[in-house]
Protein backbone atom coordinates (compact mmCIF):
# COMPACT_ATOMS: atom_id res chain seq x y z
CA UNK A 1 -56.72 44.45 59.61
CA UNK A 2 -57.51 40.96 60.97
CA UNK A 3 -57.40 38.45 58.11
CA UNK A 4 -57.57 35.29 60.23
CA UNK A 5 -61.17 34.29 59.34
CA UNK A 6 -61.73 35.97 56.00
CA UNK A 7 -61.26 32.76 54.01
CA UNK A 8 -64.05 30.34 53.37
CA UNK A 9 -63.08 26.77 52.38
CA UNK A 10 -61.25 26.92 49.09
CA UNK A 11 -63.94 25.00 47.23
CA UNK A 12 -66.52 27.66 48.14
CA UNK A 13 -64.48 30.89 47.91
CA UNK A 14 -62.59 30.18 44.69
CA UNK A 15 -65.29 28.79 42.42
CA UNK A 16 -68.02 31.39 42.90
CA UNK A 17 -67.50 34.25 40.47
CA UNK A 18 -69.53 36.75 42.43
CA UNK A 19 -67.02 36.54 45.30
CA UNK A 20 -64.16 37.64 43.08
CA UNK A 21 -65.31 41.26 43.14
CA UNK A 22 -65.38 41.24 46.93
CA UNK A 23 -61.99 39.56 47.02
CA UNK A 24 -60.51 42.19 44.67
CA UNK A 25 -61.77 45.02 46.88
CA UNK A 26 -60.14 43.42 49.92
CA UNK A 27 -56.87 43.15 48.01
CA UNK A 28 -56.92 46.90 47.46
CA UNK A 29 -57.24 47.45 51.19
CA UNK A 30 -54.62 44.87 52.15
CA UNK A 31 -52.36 43.30 49.45
CA UNK A 32 -51.10 40.75 51.99
CA UNK A 33 -54.43 38.97 51.64
CA UNK A 34 -53.18 37.43 48.40
CA UNK A 35 -50.26 35.79 50.22
CA UNK A 36 -52.62 34.52 52.90
CA UNK A 37 -54.92 33.12 50.24
CA UNK A 38 -52.06 31.35 48.48
CA UNK A 39 -50.89 29.89 51.77
CA UNK A 40 -54.42 28.68 52.48
CA UNK A 41 -54.62 27.10 49.04
CA UNK A 42 -51.25 25.47 49.55
CA UNK A 43 -52.37 24.04 52.89
CA UNK A 44 -55.48 22.58 51.27
CA UNK A 45 -53.31 21.03 48.59
CA UNK A 46 -50.99 19.53 51.19
CA UNK A 47 -53.93 18.08 53.11
CA UNK A 48 -55.26 16.51 49.92
CA UNK A 49 -51.81 15.26 48.97
CA UNK A 50 -51.62 13.45 52.32
CA UNK A 51 -55.08 11.97 51.81
CA UNK A 52 -54.65 11.25 48.10
CA UNK A 53 -52.94 7.87 48.35
CA UNK A 54 -55.28 6.78 51.11
CA UNK A 55 -58.38 7.78 49.12
CA UNK A 56 -57.22 6.19 45.88
CA UNK A 57 -56.12 2.98 47.56
CA UNK A 58 -59.51 2.80 49.25
CA UNK A 59 -61.57 3.06 46.08
CA UNK A 60 -59.33 1.61 43.39
CA UNK A 61 -58.62 -1.81 44.86
CA UNK A 62 -60.16 -4.60 42.83
CA UNK A 63 -62.35 -5.92 45.67
CA UNK A 64 -63.99 -2.57 46.39
CA UNK A 65 -67.30 -1.34 45.05
CA UNK A 66 -69.57 1.60 45.73
CA UNK A 67 -71.28 0.15 48.79
CA UNK A 68 -67.90 -0.41 50.47
CA UNK A 69 -67.17 3.31 50.50
CA UNK A 70 -68.98 5.44 53.01
CA UNK A 71 -71.18 8.35 51.95
CA UNK A 72 -68.85 10.78 53.71
CA UNK A 73 -65.83 9.43 51.86
CA UNK A 74 -67.67 9.57 48.54
CA UNK A 75 -68.47 13.21 49.23
CA UNK A 76 -64.82 13.86 49.96
CA UNK A 77 -63.82 12.23 46.68
CA UNK A 78 -66.40 14.26 44.74
CA UNK A 79 -65.15 17.47 46.36
CA UNK A 80 -61.52 16.91 45.49
CA UNK A 81 -62.20 15.66 41.98
CA UNK A 82 -63.99 18.83 40.96
CA UNK A 83 -62.08 21.61 42.74
CA UNK A 84 -59.21 23.33 41.02
CA UNK A 85 -56.40 22.67 41.27
CA UNK A 86 -57.11 19.42 43.12
CA UNK A 87 -58.65 17.72 40.09
CA UNK A 88 -55.25 17.95 38.49
CA UNK A 89 -53.80 15.61 41.11
CA UNK A 90 -55.75 12.78 39.45
CA UNK A 91 -54.39 11.36 36.21
CA UNK A 92 -56.50 9.88 33.41
CA UNK A 93 -55.88 6.28 34.39
CA UNK A 94 -56.93 6.96 37.96
CA UNK A 95 -59.98 8.92 36.78
CA UNK A 96 -61.04 5.98 34.59
CA UNK A 97 -60.72 3.60 37.51
CA UNK A 98 -62.70 5.93 39.76
CA UNK A 99 -65.48 6.25 37.18
CA UNK A 100 -65.55 2.51 36.71
CA UNK A 101 -66.49 2.21 40.39
CA UNK A 102 -68.51 5.43 40.58
CA UNK A 103 -69.98 6.45 37.19
CA UNK A 104 -71.93 9.20 38.94
CA UNK A 105 -68.68 11.02 39.74
CA UNK A 106 -68.23 12.19 36.14
CA UNK A 107 -69.89 15.62 36.66
CA UNK A 108 -67.45 16.24 39.52
CA UNK A 109 -64.37 15.94 37.38
CA UNK A 110 -62.45 19.07 36.54
CA UNK A 111 -62.40 20.70 33.09
CA UNK A 112 -59.10 18.94 32.60
CA UNK A 113 -61.11 15.77 31.91
CA UNK A 114 -64.48 17.06 30.70
CA UNK A 115 -62.75 19.07 28.00
CA UNK A 116 -60.37 16.27 27.01
CA UNK A 117 -61.52 14.79 23.71
CA UNK A 118 -59.84 11.40 24.02
CA UNK A 119 -61.01 10.98 27.60
CA UNK A 120 -64.63 11.92 26.82
CA UNK A 121 -64.77 9.73 23.72
CA UNK A 122 -63.98 6.75 25.94
CA UNK A 123 -66.70 7.87 28.35
CA UNK A 124 -69.46 8.29 25.74
CA UNK A 125 -68.54 4.96 24.18
CA UNK A 126 -69.60 3.39 27.47
CA UNK A 127 -72.50 5.74 28.17
CA UNK A 128 -73.62 8.12 25.44
CA UNK A 129 -75.57 10.23 27.92
CA UNK A 130 -72.27 11.31 29.51
CA UNK A 131 -72.17 13.80 26.66
CA UNK A 132 -74.21 15.99 29.01
CA UNK A 133 -71.08 16.65 31.07
CA UNK A 134 -68.68 17.26 28.20
CA UNK A 135 -67.46 20.79 27.59
CA UNK A 136 -69.42 22.96 25.13
CA UNK A 137 -66.61 22.54 22.62
CA UNK A 138 -66.90 18.74 22.75
CA UNK A 139 -70.70 18.86 22.51
CA UNK A 140 -70.04 20.58 19.21
CA UNK A 141 -67.41 18.05 18.16
CA UNK A 142 -68.81 15.76 15.47
CA UNK A 143 -66.61 12.78 16.34
CA UNK A 144 -67.49 12.90 20.05
CA UNK A 145 -71.22 13.33 19.38
CA UNK A 146 -71.28 10.52 16.81
CA UNK A 147 -69.74 8.17 19.35
CA UNK A 148 -72.31 9.28 21.93
CA UNK A 149 -75.43 8.85 19.79
CA UNK A 150 -74.13 5.55 18.46
CA UNK A 151 -74.17 4.26 22.04
CA UNK A 152 -77.41 6.03 23.04
CA UNK A 153 -79.51 8.00 20.60
CA UNK A 154 -80.95 10.13 23.41
CA UNK A 155 -77.51 11.74 23.74
CA UNK A 156 -78.55 13.91 20.79
CA UNK A 157 -80.26 16.04 23.43
CA UNK A 158 -76.85 17.32 24.56
CA UNK A 159 -75.34 17.90 21.14
CA UNK A 160 -74.93 21.46 19.91
CA UNK A 161 -77.73 23.02 17.84
CA UNK A 162 -75.55 22.69 14.78
CA UNK A 163 -75.08 18.95 15.21
CA UNK A 164 -78.77 18.44 15.98
CA UNK A 165 -79.22 19.61 12.43
CA UNK A 166 -76.50 17.33 11.02
CA UNK A 167 -78.28 14.67 8.95
CA UNK A 168 -75.68 11.95 9.49
CA UNK A 169 -75.56 12.52 13.25
CA UNK A 170 -79.36 12.50 13.55
CA UNK A 171 -79.70 9.38 11.38
CA UNK A 172 -77.25 7.62 13.67
CA UNK A 173 -79.20 8.78 16.73
CA UNK A 174 -82.67 7.72 15.54
CA UNK A 175 -81.34 4.41 14.29
CA UNK A 176 -80.29 3.69 17.88
CA UNK A 177 -83.38 5.28 19.48
CA UNK A 178 -86.23 6.62 17.38
CA UNK A 179 -87.35 8.90 20.20
CA UNK A 180 -84.21 10.98 19.65
CA UNK A 181 -86.12 12.55 16.75
CA UNK A 182 -87.51 15.06 19.24
CA UNK A 183 -84.04 16.63 19.54
CA UNK A 184 -83.45 16.88 15.81
CA UNK A 185 -83.74 20.19 14.02
CA UNK A 186 -87.12 21.20 12.60
CA UNK A 187 -85.76 20.68 9.10
CA UNK A 188 -84.78 17.06 9.78
CA UNK A 189 -88.13 16.31 11.40
CA UNK A 190 -89.56 17.03 7.99
CA UNK A 191 -87.08 14.70 6.27
CA UNK A 192 -89.01 11.56 5.26
CA UNK A 193 -85.93 9.33 5.30
CA UNK A 194 -84.92 10.44 8.81
CA UNK A 195 -88.48 10.09 10.13
CA UNK A 196 -88.94 6.67 8.51
CA UNK A 197 -85.77 5.49 10.23
CA UNK A 198 -87.03 6.87 13.56
CA UNK A 199 -90.52 5.28 13.44
CA UNK A 200 -89.05 2.02 12.24
CA UNK A 201 -87.10 1.88 15.51
CA UNK A 202 -89.88 3.38 17.65
CA UNK A 203 -93.31 4.02 16.18
CA UNK A 204 -94.11 6.61 18.84
CA UNK A 205 -91.42 8.85 17.34
CA UNK A 206 -94.19 9.85 14.92
CA UNK A 207 -95.15 12.39 17.60
CA UNK A 208 -92.08 14.47 16.69
CA UNK A 209 -92.43 14.27 12.93
CA UNK A 210 -93.65 17.29 11.01
CA UNK A 211 -97.39 17.68 10.50
CA UNK A 212 -96.92 16.85 6.85
CA UNK A 213 -95.24 13.50 7.60
CA UNK A 214 -97.86 12.66 10.24
CA UNK A 215 -100.21 12.64 7.28
CA UNK A 216 -97.90 10.56 5.08
CA UNK A 217 -99.50 7.12 4.65
CA UNK A 218 -96.22 5.25 4.17
CA UNK A 219 -94.63 6.82 7.26
CA UNK A 220 -97.70 6.22 9.43
CA UNK A 221 -98.05 2.60 8.27
CA UNK A 222 -94.44 2.02 9.28
CA UNK A 223 -95.08 3.66 12.65
CA UNK A 224 -98.25 1.73 13.58
CA UNK A 225 -96.69 -1.52 12.43
CA UNK A 226 -93.98 -0.98 15.06
CA UNK A 227 -96.35 0.42 17.72
CA UNK A 228 -100.10 0.64 17.29
CA UNK A 229 -100.31 3.54 19.75
CA UNK A 230 -98.60 5.69 17.11
CA UNK A 231 -102.05 6.00 15.52
CA UNK A 232 -102.64 8.72 18.11
CA UNK A 233 -100.13 10.96 16.27
CA UNK A 234 -101.41 10.30 12.77
CA UNK A 235 -103.46 12.86 10.88
CA UNK A 236 -107.23 12.83 11.22
CA UNK A 237 -107.52 11.59 7.66
CA UNK A 238 -105.35 8.52 8.32
CA UNK A 239 -107.25 7.70 11.50
CA UNK A 240 -110.20 7.14 9.18
CA UNK A 241 -108.17 4.88 6.87
CA UNK A 242 -109.35 1.30 7.51
CA UNK A 243 -106.07 -0.26 6.37
CA UNK A 244 -103.98 1.96 8.63
CA UNK A 245 -106.29 1.42 11.61
CA UNK A 246 -106.42 -2.36 11.05
CA UNK A 247 -102.63 -2.44 11.09
CA UNK A 248 -102.59 -0.39 14.30
CA UNK A 249 -105.12 -2.51 16.25
CA UNK A 250 -103.48 -5.68 15.03
CA UNK A 251 -100.30 -4.52 16.79
CA UNK A 252 -102.12 -3.05 19.80
CA UNK A 253 -105.86 -3.40 20.20
CA UNK A 254 -106.05 -0.33 22.43
CA UNK A 255 -105.10 1.83 19.44
CA UNK A 256 -108.83 1.63 18.64
CA UNK A 257 -109.11 4.64 20.96
CA UNK A 258 -107.59 6.82 18.21
CA UNK A 259 -109.57 5.45 15.30
CA UNK A 260 -112.31 7.58 13.79
CA UNK A 261 -115.81 7.20 15.22
CA UNK A 262 -116.83 5.43 12.04
CA UNK A 263 -114.12 2.77 12.39
CA UNK A 264 -114.85 2.32 16.10
CA UNK A 265 -118.18 1.06 14.84
CA UNK A 266 -116.67 -1.17 12.14
CA UNK A 267 -117.24 -4.79 13.23
CA UNK A 268 -114.17 -6.17 11.45
CA UNK A 269 -111.85 -3.54 12.94
CA UNK A 270 -113.27 -3.98 16.44
CA UNK A 271 -113.08 -7.78 16.28
CA UNK A 272 -109.41 -7.46 15.36
CA UNK A 273 -108.87 -5.04 18.24
CA UNK A 274 -110.56 -7.09 20.98
CA UNK A 275 -108.86 -10.25 19.78
CA UNK A 276 -105.52 -8.54 20.43
CA UNK A 277 -106.64 -6.83 23.66
CA UNK A 278 -110.06 -7.35 25.18
CA UNK A 279 -109.99 -3.93 26.82
CA UNK A 280 -110.39 -2.39 23.38
CA UNK A 281 -114.10 -3.11 23.87
CA UNK A 282 -114.17 0.10 25.90
CA UNK A 283 -113.51 2.09 22.69
CA UNK A 284 -115.98 0.24 20.50
CA UNK A 285 -119.25 1.86 19.49
CA UNK A 286 -122.28 1.38 21.73
CA UNK A 287 -123.82 -0.81 19.05
CA UNK A 288 -120.85 -3.22 19.06
CA UNK A 289 -120.78 -3.32 22.87
CA UNK A 290 -124.21 -4.92 22.45
CA UNK A 291 -122.88 -7.44 19.90
CA UNK A 292 -122.70 -10.84 21.60
CA UNK A 293 -119.98 -12.23 19.31
CA UNK A 294 -117.76 -9.18 19.80
CA UNK A 295 -118.23 -9.20 23.58
CA UNK A 296 -117.52 -12.92 23.88
CA UNK A 297 -114.29 -12.41 21.94
CA UNK A 298 -113.33 -9.62 24.34
CA UNK A 299 -114.11 -11.49 27.59
CA UNK A 300 -112.26 -14.56 26.35
CA UNK A 301 -109.20 -12.35 26.19
CA UNK A 302 -109.89 -10.71 29.58
CA UNK A 303 -112.98 -11.43 31.62
CA UNK A 304 -112.97 -8.04 33.33
CA UNK A 305 -113.79 -6.35 30.03
CA UNK A 306 -117.36 -7.49 30.64
CA UNK A 307 -117.80 -4.12 32.37
CA UNK A 308 -117.89 -2.48 28.92
CA UNK A 309 -120.60 -4.80 27.61
CA UNK A 310 -124.20 -3.67 27.45
CA UNK A 311 -126.44 -4.21 30.49
CA UNK A 312 -128.29 -6.88 28.54
CA UNK A 313 -125.13 -8.91 27.85
CA UNK A 314 -123.96 -8.65 31.46
CA UNK A 315 -127.10 -10.59 32.23
CA UNK A 316 -126.52 -13.17 29.48
CA UNK A 317 -125.47 -16.48 31.10
CA UNK A 318 -123.37 -17.65 28.14
CA UNK A 319 -121.41 -14.40 27.95
CA UNK A 320 -120.99 -14.17 31.72
CA UNK A 321 -119.73 -17.74 32.10
CA UNK A 322 -117.09 -17.07 29.42
CA UNK A 323 -116.03 -13.98 31.39
CA UNK A 324 -115.81 -15.54 34.87
CA UNK A 325 -113.99 -18.61 33.56
CA UNK A 326 -111.28 -16.26 32.33
CA UNK A 327 -111.36 -14.00 35.40
CA UNK A 328 -113.50 -14.95 38.35
CA UNK A 329 -113.58 -11.39 39.69
CA UNK A 330 -115.63 -10.40 36.63
CA UNK A 331 -118.53 -11.64 38.76
CA UNK A 332 -118.42 -8.15 40.23
CA UNK A 333 -119.91 -6.62 37.07
CA UNK A 334 -122.58 -9.18 36.19
CA UNK A 335 -126.29 -8.71 36.77
CA UNK A 336 -127.71 -9.14 40.27
CA UNK A 337 -129.73 -12.13 39.09
CA UNK A 338 -126.67 -14.05 37.86
CA UNK A 339 -124.74 -13.38 41.07
CA UNK A 340 -127.23 -15.72 42.65
CA UNK A 341 -126.88 -18.36 39.91
CA UNK A 342 -124.82 -21.37 41.04
CA UNK A 343 -123.90 -22.22 37.43
CA UNK A 344 -122.24 -18.81 37.17
CA UNK A 345 -120.80 -18.41 40.67
CA UNK A 346 -119.13 -21.84 40.91
CA UNK A 347 -116.87 -21.36 37.82
CA UNK A 348 -116.11 -17.86 39.09
CA UNK A 349 -114.86 -19.01 42.52
CA UNK A 350 -113.00 -21.91 40.94
CA UNK A 351 -111.02 -19.37 38.95
CA UNK A 352 -110.59 -16.97 41.89
CA UNK A 353 -111.93 -17.91 45.30
CA UNK A 354 -112.23 -14.26 46.33
CA UNK A 355 -114.90 -13.79 43.65
CA UNK A 356 -117.17 -15.08 46.42
CA UNK A 357 -117.29 -11.45 47.56
CA UNK A 358 -119.66 -10.69 44.67
CA UNK A 359 -121.92 -13.72 45.07
CA UNK A 360 -125.41 -13.33 46.54
CA UNK A 361 -125.82 -13.58 50.33
CA UNK A 362 -127.55 -16.90 49.82
CA UNK A 363 -124.61 -18.42 47.93
CA UNK A 364 -122.09 -16.99 50.42
CA UNK A 365 -123.79 -19.32 52.86
CA UNK A 366 -123.95 -22.27 50.45
CA UNK A 367 -121.51 -24.93 51.68
CA UNK A 368 -120.76 -26.36 48.21
CA UNK A 369 -120.02 -22.93 46.72
CA UNK A 370 -117.95 -21.88 49.75
CA UNK A 371 -115.87 -25.08 49.73
CA UNK A 372 -115.04 -24.48 46.05
CA UNK A 373 -113.98 -20.94 46.88
CA UNK A 374 -111.71 -21.71 49.84
CA UNK A 375 -110.11 -24.57 47.94
CA UNK A 376 -108.87 -21.96 45.48
CA UNK A 377 -108.11 -19.28 48.09
CA UNK A 378 -108.31 -19.63 51.84
CA UNK A 379 -108.81 -15.87 52.09
CA UNK A 380 -112.27 -16.35 50.56
CA UNK A 381 -113.28 -17.20 54.13
CA UNK A 382 -113.57 -13.44 54.60
CA UNK A 383 -116.67 -13.46 52.37
CA UNK A 384 -118.60 -16.46 53.72
CA UNK A 385 -121.63 -16.25 55.95
CA UNK A 386 -121.21 -15.73 59.70
CA UNK A 387 -122.54 -19.24 60.34
CA UNK A 388 -119.93 -20.94 58.14
CA UNK A 389 -117.08 -18.94 59.69
CA UNK A 390 -117.72 -20.92 62.82
CA UNK A 391 -117.84 -24.26 60.99
CA UNK A 392 -114.64 -26.27 61.58
CA UNK A 393 -115.11 -28.22 58.35
CA UNK A 394 -115.02 -24.92 56.44
CA UNK A 395 -112.41 -23.03 58.45
CA UNK A 396 -109.81 -25.82 58.69
CA UNK A 397 -109.33 -26.26 54.90
CA UNK A 398 -109.36 -22.47 54.50
CA UNK A 399 -106.55 -21.95 57.04
CA UNK A 400 -104.72 -24.97 55.69
CA UNK A 401 -104.74 -23.31 52.26
CA UNK A 402 -103.71 -19.89 53.65
CA UNK A 403 -102.82 -19.37 57.32
CA UNK A 404 -103.95 -15.75 57.14
CA UNK A 405 -107.54 -16.95 56.73
CA UNK A 406 -107.61 -17.55 60.51
CA UNK A 407 -108.35 -13.83 60.85
CA UNK A 408 -111.84 -14.47 59.41
CA UNK A 409 -112.76 -17.47 61.56
CA UNK A 410 -115.36 -16.95 64.26
CA UNK A 411 -114.15 -15.55 67.60
CA UNK A 412 -115.02 -18.85 69.27
CA UNK A 413 -112.65 -20.78 67.01
CA UNK A 414 -109.96 -18.14 67.28
CA UNK A 415 -109.93 -18.60 71.05
CA UNK A 416 -110.21 -22.40 70.97
CA UNK A 417 -106.83 -23.69 72.18
CA UNK A 418 -107.35 -27.19 70.78
CA UNK A 419 -108.50 -25.90 67.41
CA UNK A 420 -105.45 -23.63 67.08
CA UNK A 421 -103.14 -26.53 68.00
CA UNK A 422 -104.68 -28.65 65.22
CA UNK A 423 -104.30 -25.77 62.76
CA UNK A 424 -100.61 -25.34 63.62
CA UNK A 425 -100.01 -28.99 62.79
CA UNK A 426 -101.86 -28.70 59.48
CA UNK A 427 -100.24 -25.42 58.46
CA UNK A 428 -96.93 -24.62 60.23
CA UNK A 429 -96.71 -21.33 58.30
CA UNK A 430 -99.21 -19.98 60.82
CA UNK A 431 -96.18 -19.32 63.03
CA UNK A 432 -94.72 -17.12 60.33
CA UNK A 433 -97.95 -15.21 59.73
CA UNK A 434 -99.05 -14.82 63.36
CA UNK A 435 -97.58 -11.31 63.56
CA UNK A 436 -99.95 -10.21 60.77
CA UNK A 437 -103.02 -11.48 62.61
CA UNK A 438 -105.08 -9.49 65.11
CA UNK A 439 -103.31 -9.18 68.47
CA UNK A 440 -105.65 -11.49 70.41
CA UNK A 441 -105.13 -14.31 67.84
CA UNK A 442 -101.41 -13.71 67.63
CA UNK A 443 -101.04 -14.05 71.40
CA UNK A 444 -102.98 -17.33 71.42
CA UNK A 445 -100.80 -18.75 68.66
CA UNK A 446 -97.69 -17.53 70.49
CA UNK A 447 -98.78 -19.42 73.62
CA UNK A 448 -99.25 -22.62 71.65
CA UNK A 449 -95.90 -22.23 69.86
CA UNK A 450 -94.14 -21.76 73.19
CA UNK A 451 -95.79 -24.84 74.63
CA UNK A 452 -94.75 -26.89 71.60
CA UNK A 453 -91.16 -25.71 72.09
CA UNK A 454 -91.22 -26.88 75.73
């Protein structure tokens, strides 16, 4: 029987259990296969032994880091670290040094390391989530797991079922990261002291508390005080509790989304919410979206929230001016009439020149309005009238403010050699941006740049 090619690489033929049956049947036919296999294994070991010093020297020197080692060499290291018996050629000190350079190599280590308590304790002290790669026995070891969750509460995910039900372990985990509550046993998610500790660290951990504790006023108050969004996990009854909701929107105005319909129409609650975050106006009752005082409070915080105001208030000059002064682009949601109002459009383009996009056609051709816009942003030239795009007195300051504005100048100016020369003197960055301009402009600028060089 020809045995020359019956062996796959050792790392593939020796670690796959399903191949053992096939291997055993071949042994019955030809016992000499075992000797051939041992010789093959020995040869692999010799090859690694020859490479070992070279590999270790390459990655363990003080001036080396991950980017200095090629992908192919990293793959070679991973292969030899995890294949028995090659993993045993690395001692603990060398393994520590390797992992210091390449933390991602941990899963490739042999059981010799992943099942070593002292070694893994040192690993989880540095990164609790490395508990994922520890042996099953160590994931059930209280000392190892405590060290892991102390460093990162999320490591509770990889603890054994028994330790996920250990009160002391879970308390340690949620103290470090409240979200770890999701991996605690059902019994501990009903433990008020454990849950209080979790929501104190992360209010959103309320999601994983028992239904009973999601209706516990003291627990929920603690949760929304830490994160207003936690109101979304509170019981329906507590979402109708004005004190709880006020505490939630005070921390995060957007928590108004989870308040009862009644409280979304409560002026005091909504005022508190929009003061913290103007976008909360989107969750206020229709009646309060028509309340001028409430809307002004919201747009002062963020002008764009004007889109949630009633149609009437989007046509109210006082409200609109407050909005565009905070965010010029809010001009995009105001009434058609006010988009043609100079007293509204000028403060809008002063805040953001590109708000000119939403101005009336008449004002896009108004020199005073346009000059205000391009002073703030040269790119506003893209929204001015065709006539003004050919006006040197408009285009020059626009391109001076932002070289990319040249793209919006009239074709006549774009092809005017003298004009482009003047622009290059005013804004040298045009050289840098020429590659982003249309090809015909870029070539013109290139010609001028080359002439300047000569």
